[in-house]
C-alpha atoms as a PDB file:
ATOM      1  CA  MET A   1     -11.628  -5.733  -4.425  1.00  0.00           C
ATOM      2  CA  LYS A   2      -9.582  -8.441  -2.765  1.00  0.00           C
ATOM      3  CA  LEU A   3      -5.950  -7.593  -2.025  1.00  0.00           C
ATOM      4  CA  ILE A   4      -3.130  -9.024   0.058  1.00  0.00           C
ATOM      5  CA  VAL A   5      -1.729  -6.320   2.365  1.00  0.00           C
ATOM      6  CA  ASN A   6       1.368  -7.178   4.386  1.00  0.00           C
ATOM      7  CA  GLY A   7       0.550 -10.864   3.948  1.00  0.00           C
ATOM      8  CA  GLU A   8      -3.070 -10.556   5.098  1.00  0.00           C
ATOM      9  CA  PRO A   9      -6.150 -10.769   2.845  1.00  0.00           C
ATOM     10  CA  LYS A  10      -8.081  -7.492   2.745  1.00  0.00           C
ATOM     11  CA  GLU A  11     -11.193  -6.267   0.980  1.00  0.00           C
ATOM     12  CA  SER A  12     -10.976  -2.638  -0.126  1.00  0.00           C
ATOM     13  CA  PRO A  13     -12.880  -0.260  -2.417  1.00  0.00           C
ATOM     14  CA  ALA A  14      -9.632   1.660  -3.126  1.00  0.00           C
ATOM     15  CA  ALA A  15      -8.715   2.089  -6.784  1.00  0.00           C
ATOM     16  CA  THR A  16      -5.212   3.481  -6.228  1.00  0.00           C
ATOM     17  CA  LEU A  17      -2.396   2.823  -3.817  1.00  0.00           C
ATOM     18  CA  ALA A  18      -2.854   6.298  -2.299  1.00  0.00           C
ATOM     19  CA  GLU A  19      -6.546   5.579  -1.650  1.00  0.00           C
ATOM     20  CA  LEU A  20      -5.652   2.255  -0.029  1.00  0.00           C
ATOM     21  CA  LEU A  21      -3.193   3.936   2.324  1.00  0.00           C
ATOM     22  CA  THR A  22      -5.885   6.433   3.318  1.00  0.00           C
ATOM     23  CA  THR A  23      -8.532   3.764   3.935  1.00  0.00           C
ATOM     24  CA  LEU A  24      -6.068   1.768   6.056  1.00  0.00           C
ATOM     25  CA  GLU A  25      -5.184   4.958   7.955  1.00  0.00           C
ATOM     26  CA  TYR A  26      -1.521   5.023   6.983  1.00  0.00           C
ATOM     27  CA  GLU A  27      -0.163   8.550   7.012  1.00  0.00           C
ATOM     28  CA  GLY A  28       3.203  10.174   6.480  1.00  0.00           C
ATOM     29  CA  ASP A  29       5.764  10.607   3.770  1.00  0.00           C
ATOM     30  CA  TRP A  30       8.132   8.137   5.405  1.00  0.00           C
ATOM     31  CA  LEU A  31       6.271   5.009   4.295  1.00  0.00           C
ATOM     32  CA  ALA A  32       7.802   2.593   1.823  1.00  0.00           C
ATOM     33  CA  THR A  33       5.360   0.825  -0.472  1.00  0.00           C
ATOM     34  CA  ALA A  34       5.632  -2.026  -2.948  1.00  0.00           C
ATOM     35  CA  VAL A  35       3.048  -3.694  -5.170  1.00  0.00           C
ATOM     36  CA  ASN A  36       3.751  -7.211  -6.390  1.00  0.00           C
ATOM     37  CA  GLY A  37       7.382  -6.803  -5.364  1.00  0.00           C
ATOM     38  CA  ASP A  38       7.934  -3.523  -7.218  1.00  0.00           C
ATOM     39  CA  LEU A  39       8.713  -0.375  -5.236  1.00  0.00           C
ATOM     40  CA  VAL A  40       6.129   2.392  -5.716  1.00  0.00           C
ATOM     41  CA  HIS A  41       7.543   5.829  -4.941  1.00  0.00           C
ATOM     42  CA  ARG A  42       5.500   8.308  -2.912  1.00  0.00           C
ATOM     43  CA  GLU A  43       4.950  10.602  -5.913  1.00  0.00           C
ATOM     44  CA  ASP A  44       3.543   7.684  -7.964  1.00  0.00           C
ATOM     45  CA  ARG A  45       0.980   6.384  -5.456  1.00  0.00           C
ATOM     46  CA  ASN A  46      -1.904   8.567  -6.714  1.00  0.00           C
ATOM     47  CA  GLN A  47      -1.546   7.139 -10.226  1.00  0.00           C
ATOM     48  CA  HIS A  48      -0.785   3.529  -9.291  1.00  0.00           C
ATOM     49  CA  GLN A  49      -3.947   1.582 -10.092  1.00  0.00           C
ATOM     50  CA  LEU A  50      -4.645  -1.509  -8.012  1.00  0.00           C
ATOM     51  CA  ARG A  51      -5.940  -4.776  -9.438  1.00  0.00           C
ATOM     52  CA  PRO A  52      -7.667  -7.669  -7.672  1.00  0.00           C
ATOM     53  CA  GLY A  53      -5.142  -9.997  -6.091  1.00  0.00           C
ATOM     54  CA  ASP A  54      -2.330  -7.418  -5.896  1.00  0.00           C
ATOM     55  CA  ARG A  55       0.171  -8.009  -3.098  1.00  0.00           C
ATOM     56  CA  ILE A  56       0.897  -4.749  -1.299  1.00  0.00           C
ATOM     57  CA  GLU A  57       3.665  -4.281   1.246  1.00  0.00           C
ATOM     58  CA  ILE A  58       3.584  -1.194   3.447  1.00  0.00           C
ATOM     59  CA  LEU A  59       6.680  -0.618   5.533  1.00  0.00           C
ATOM     60  CA  SER A  60       7.170   1.996   8.201  1.00  0.00           C
ATOM     61  CA  PRO A  61      10.282   2.692  10.258  1.00  0.00           C
ATOM     62  CA  MET A  62      10.465   1.190  13.719  1.00  0.00           C
ATOM     63  CA  GLN A  63      11.915   2.831  16.782  1.00  0.00           C
ATOM     64  CA  GLY A  64      14.160   1.140  19.252  1.00  0.00           C
ATOM     65  CA  GLY A  65      17.282  -0.839  19.002  1.00  0.00           C
END
């Protein structure tokens, strides 16, 4: 299905947000995720179903200063 991930168009077979993170090789409990502007908590990612055209933001902490 076609999705927008961090502002970039992506094609993915993932059905859930957790599956998408795995296919994009994001790992760790420290990620922040939002779908269509709504925060999706870590414990809800396995149940959060994706739909074509969803806008997903994946944020990870940055080091430095």
